[in-house]
N, C-alpha and C. Protein backbone atom coordinates (compact mmCIF):
# COMPACT_ATOMS: atom_id res chain seq x y z
N MET A 1 16.20 -1.03 17.66
CA MET A 1 14.94 -0.47 17.18
C MET A 1 14.26 -1.51 16.30
N ALA A 2 13.11 -1.95 16.68
CA ALA A 2 12.37 -2.96 15.93
C ALA A 2 11.62 -2.32 14.77
N THR A 3 11.62 -3.02 13.66
CA THR A 3 10.88 -2.56 12.49
C THR A 3 10.00 -3.69 11.99
N ASP A 4 8.90 -3.33 11.32
CA ASP A 4 7.97 -4.34 10.82
C ASP A 4 8.47 -5.01 9.55
N GLN A 5 9.36 -4.36 8.85
CA GLN A 5 9.86 -4.92 7.60
C GLN A 5 11.36 -4.69 7.53
N PRO A 6 12.05 -5.59 6.83
CA PRO A 6 13.50 -5.43 6.73
C PRO A 6 13.88 -4.28 5.78
N ILE A 7 15.06 -3.77 6.00
CA ILE A 7 15.59 -2.75 5.09
C ILE A 7 16.25 -3.50 3.95
N PRO A 8 15.86 -3.22 2.71
CA PRO A 8 16.45 -3.94 1.58
C PRO A 8 17.98 -3.77 1.55
N THR A 9 18.68 -4.89 1.41
CA THR A 9 20.14 -4.88 1.41
C THR A 9 20.70 -3.99 0.31
N ALA A 10 20.11 -4.06 -0.88
CA ALA A 10 20.61 -3.25 -1.99
C ALA A 10 20.47 -1.75 -1.69
N ALA A 11 19.36 -1.38 -1.09
CA ALA A 11 19.16 0.03 -0.74
C ALA A 11 20.16 0.45 0.33
N LEU A 12 20.41 -0.40 1.30
CA LEU A 12 21.37 -0.09 2.35
C LEU A 12 22.78 0.03 1.77
N ASP A 13 23.12 -0.82 0.82
CA ASP A 13 24.42 -0.74 0.15
C ASP A 13 24.56 0.59 -0.60
N ARG A 14 23.50 1.01 -1.28
CA ARG A 14 23.56 2.30 -2.00
C ARG A 14 23.68 3.46 -1.02
N LEU A 15 22.96 3.39 0.09
CA LEU A 15 23.06 4.42 1.12
C LEU A 15 24.50 4.51 1.65
N ALA A 16 25.11 3.36 1.90
CA ALA A 16 26.48 3.33 2.40
C ALA A 16 27.44 3.95 1.39
N ARG A 17 27.23 3.69 0.10
CA ARG A 17 28.09 4.29 -0.93
C ARG A 17 27.93 5.80 -0.98
N VAL A 18 26.68 6.26 -0.90
CA VAL A 18 26.44 7.72 -0.89
C VAL A 18 27.11 8.33 0.34
N ASP A 19 26.93 7.69 1.49
CA ASP A 19 27.52 8.19 2.72
C ASP A 19 29.04 8.29 2.58
N ALA A 20 29.65 7.27 2.01
CA ALA A 20 31.11 7.26 1.83
C ALA A 20 31.57 8.34 0.86
N ASP A 21 30.72 8.68 -0.11
CA ASP A 21 31.07 9.69 -1.11
C ASP A 21 30.87 11.13 -0.65
N LEU A 22 30.13 11.32 0.45
CA LEU A 22 29.91 12.68 0.94
C LEU A 22 31.20 13.25 1.51
N ALA A 23 31.37 14.53 1.35
CA ALA A 23 32.58 15.20 1.82
C ALA A 23 32.74 15.02 3.33
N PRO A 24 33.93 14.68 3.79
CA PRO A 24 34.16 14.49 5.22
C PRO A 24 33.91 15.76 6.04
N CYS A 25 34.01 16.92 5.42
CA CYS A 25 33.81 18.17 6.15
C CYS A 25 32.33 18.51 6.34
N LEU A 26 31.46 17.74 5.73
CA LEU A 26 30.02 17.98 5.85
C LEU A 26 29.57 17.77 7.29
N SER A 27 28.74 18.65 7.80
CA SER A 27 28.26 18.51 9.18
C SER A 27 27.40 17.25 9.30
N LYS A 28 27.31 16.72 10.52
CA LYS A 28 26.46 15.55 10.76
C LYS A 28 25.01 15.85 10.38
N HIS A 29 24.57 17.06 10.68
CA HIS A 29 23.20 17.47 10.36
C HIS A 29 22.94 17.42 8.86
N ASP A 30 23.83 18.02 8.09
CA ASP A 30 23.66 18.02 6.63
C ASP A 30 23.80 16.62 6.05
N ARG A 31 24.73 15.84 6.59
CA ARG A 31 24.92 14.46 6.12
C ARG A 31 23.63 13.65 6.34
N VAL A 32 23.06 13.75 7.53
CA VAL A 32 21.83 13.01 7.83
C VAL A 32 20.69 13.50 6.94
N SER A 33 20.59 14.80 6.73
CA SER A 33 19.53 15.34 5.85
C SER A 33 19.64 14.76 4.44
N MET A 34 20.85 14.70 3.92
CA MET A 34 21.05 14.14 2.58
C MET A 34 20.71 12.65 2.55
N LEU A 35 21.12 11.93 3.58
CA LEU A 35 20.86 10.49 3.62
C LEU A 35 19.37 10.19 3.81
N ILE A 36 18.66 11.05 4.53
CA ILE A 36 17.20 10.88 4.64
C ILE A 36 16.57 10.99 3.25
N ALA A 37 16.99 11.98 2.49
CA ALA A 37 16.45 12.15 1.13
C ALA A 37 16.75 10.93 0.28
N VAL A 38 17.95 10.37 0.42
CA VAL A 38 18.31 9.16 -0.34
C VAL A 38 17.43 7.99 0.10
N CYS A 39 17.18 7.87 1.40
CA CYS A 39 16.28 6.82 1.90
C CYS A 39 14.93 6.92 1.21
N ILE A 40 14.39 8.13 1.17
CA ILE A 40 13.07 8.33 0.57
C ILE A 40 13.08 7.93 -0.90
N VAL A 41 14.12 8.34 -1.62
CA VAL A 41 14.25 7.98 -3.04
C VAL A 41 14.34 6.46 -3.19
N GLU A 42 15.02 5.81 -2.26
CA GLU A 42 15.20 4.35 -2.30
C GLU A 42 13.95 3.59 -1.87
N GLY A 43 12.91 4.31 -1.44
CA GLY A 43 11.67 3.64 -1.04
C GLY A 43 11.60 3.33 0.45
N ILE A 44 12.58 3.79 1.20
CA ILE A 44 12.55 3.65 2.66
C ILE A 44 11.87 4.90 3.17
N THR A 45 10.57 4.82 3.42
CA THR A 45 9.78 6.02 3.70
C THR A 45 9.16 6.04 5.09
N ASP A 46 9.26 4.94 5.82
CA ASP A 46 8.75 4.88 7.18
C ASP A 46 9.80 5.48 8.12
N GLY A 47 9.38 6.34 9.03
CA GLY A 47 10.31 7.00 9.92
C GLY A 47 11.18 6.04 10.72
N LYS A 48 10.58 4.96 11.23
CA LYS A 48 11.35 3.98 12.01
C LYS A 48 12.39 3.29 11.15
N LEU A 49 12.02 3.00 9.90
CA LEU A 49 12.98 2.36 8.99
C LEU A 49 14.10 3.31 8.60
N ILE A 50 13.76 4.58 8.39
CA ILE A 50 14.79 5.57 8.07
C ILE A 50 15.79 5.65 9.23
N CYS A 51 15.26 5.76 10.45
CA CYS A 51 16.13 5.82 11.63
C CYS A 51 16.99 4.56 11.75
N ALA A 52 16.39 3.40 11.51
CA ALA A 52 17.12 2.14 11.61
C ALA A 52 18.21 2.04 10.55
N ALA A 53 17.89 2.45 9.32
CA ALA A 53 18.87 2.39 8.24
C ALA A 53 20.06 3.29 8.53
N LEU A 54 19.78 4.50 8.98
CA LEU A 54 20.88 5.43 9.24
C LEU A 54 21.65 5.05 10.51
N LYS A 55 20.99 4.37 11.44
CA LYS A 55 21.70 3.86 12.62
C LYS A 55 22.73 2.82 12.17
N LEU A 56 22.36 1.99 11.20
CA LEU A 56 23.30 1.00 10.68
C LEU A 56 24.52 1.65 10.03
N LEU A 57 24.36 2.89 9.60
CA LEU A 57 25.48 3.63 9.00
C LEU A 57 26.22 4.47 10.03
N GLY A 58 25.81 4.38 11.30
CA GLY A 58 26.53 5.06 12.35
C GLY A 58 25.89 6.34 12.87
N SER A 59 24.70 6.68 12.39
CA SER A 59 24.03 7.89 12.86
C SER A 59 23.23 7.59 14.12
N ASN A 60 23.06 8.60 14.94
CA ASN A 60 22.26 8.50 16.14
C ASN A 60 20.78 8.55 15.73
N PRO A 61 19.98 7.51 16.02
CA PRO A 61 18.59 7.50 15.58
C PRO A 61 17.75 8.64 16.16
N GLN A 62 18.10 9.12 17.35
CA GLN A 62 17.37 10.25 17.91
C GLN A 62 17.65 11.52 17.11
N HIS A 63 18.88 11.67 16.67
CA HIS A 63 19.25 12.82 15.83
C HIS A 63 18.52 12.72 14.49
N VAL A 64 18.46 11.53 13.92
CA VAL A 64 17.75 11.32 12.65
C VAL A 64 16.28 11.69 12.81
N GLY A 65 15.65 11.23 13.90
CA GLY A 65 14.25 11.54 14.14
C GLY A 65 14.01 13.03 14.27
N MET A 66 14.92 13.72 14.94
CA MET A 66 14.80 15.17 15.10
C MET A 66 14.87 15.87 13.73
N ILE A 67 15.80 15.42 12.90
CA ILE A 67 15.93 16.03 11.57
C ILE A 67 14.73 15.69 10.70
N LEU A 68 14.20 14.47 10.82
CA LEU A 68 12.98 14.12 10.08
C LEU A 68 11.85 15.08 10.44
N ASN A 69 11.67 15.29 11.72
CA ASN A 69 10.59 16.19 12.17
C ASN A 69 10.83 17.63 11.72
N LYS A 70 12.04 18.09 11.90
CA LYS A 70 12.36 19.47 11.52
C LYS A 70 12.26 19.66 10.02
N GLY A 71 12.69 18.67 9.25
CA GLY A 71 12.66 18.76 7.79
C GLY A 71 11.27 18.71 7.20
N SER A 72 10.30 18.25 7.99
CA SER A 72 8.93 18.20 7.49
C SER A 72 8.11 19.38 8.02
N ALA A 73 8.81 20.37 8.54
CA ALA A 73 8.13 21.57 9.03
C ALA A 73 7.46 22.31 7.88
N SER A 74 6.54 23.18 8.23
CA SER A 74 5.76 23.85 7.19
C SER A 74 6.43 25.12 6.65
N MET A 75 7.54 25.53 7.21
CA MET A 75 8.16 26.77 6.79
C MET A 75 9.48 26.50 6.06
N PRO A 76 9.62 27.00 4.83
CA PRO A 76 10.92 26.91 4.17
C PRO A 76 11.94 27.70 4.97
N PRO A 77 13.22 27.39 4.95
CA PRO A 77 13.87 26.37 4.14
C PRO A 77 13.90 25.00 4.80
N GLU A 78 13.27 24.86 5.96
CA GLU A 78 13.31 23.59 6.68
C GLU A 78 12.48 22.49 6.01
N HIS A 79 11.50 22.86 5.21
CA HIS A 79 10.62 21.89 4.57
C HIS A 79 11.39 21.19 3.44
N ARG A 80 11.91 20.02 3.74
CA ARG A 80 12.67 19.25 2.75
C ARG A 80 11.90 18.04 2.27
N TRP A 81 10.95 17.58 3.06
CA TRP A 81 10.10 16.44 2.74
C TRP A 81 8.81 16.62 3.53
N TYR A 82 7.85 15.77 3.31
CA TYR A 82 6.60 15.85 4.06
C TYR A 82 6.16 14.45 4.43
N LYS A 83 5.26 14.38 5.39
CA LYS A 83 4.73 13.10 5.85
C LYS A 83 3.30 13.00 5.33
N ASP A 84 3.02 11.92 4.59
CA ASP A 84 1.68 11.77 4.02
C ASP A 84 0.70 11.23 5.06
N ALA A 85 -0.54 11.08 4.66
CA ALA A 85 -1.60 10.64 5.57
C ALA A 85 -1.35 9.24 6.13
N ASP A 86 -0.58 8.42 5.41
CA ASP A 86 -0.26 7.07 5.88
C ASP A 86 0.97 7.04 6.78
N GLY A 87 1.57 8.21 7.02
CA GLY A 87 2.73 8.27 7.90
C GLY A 87 4.06 8.03 7.23
N HIS A 88 4.08 8.06 5.91
CA HIS A 88 5.33 7.85 5.16
C HIS A 88 5.87 9.18 4.68
N TYR A 89 7.18 9.28 4.68
CA TYR A 89 7.84 10.51 4.24
C TYR A 89 7.98 10.50 2.72
N ARG A 90 7.78 11.65 2.14
CA ARG A 90 7.84 11.84 0.68
C ARG A 90 8.62 13.11 0.38
N LEU A 91 9.24 13.15 -0.77
CA LEU A 91 9.89 14.38 -1.23
C LEU A 91 8.87 15.23 -1.96
N PRO A 92 9.01 16.56 -1.85
CA PRO A 92 8.03 17.44 -2.54
C PRO A 92 8.13 17.31 -4.05
């Protein structure tokens, strides 16, 4: 997956640490949702970059994209983040 900008190494290292600290019994869906939120906090807010970062951690980028879309839905409890006018994901 090509991206216009690199994923900062320090942010990727922090993502990997968070991923390693998550409970092994956590579902893939919940794990990806949490890691998407961490990406946003780390400043990785472009959907392609989020997918690329989580792919580097072993997640399926299509699954990540599906969760990004579902998580930005307009109905709670699925609304976990939103996409701004510039196409970047933000936390509420």
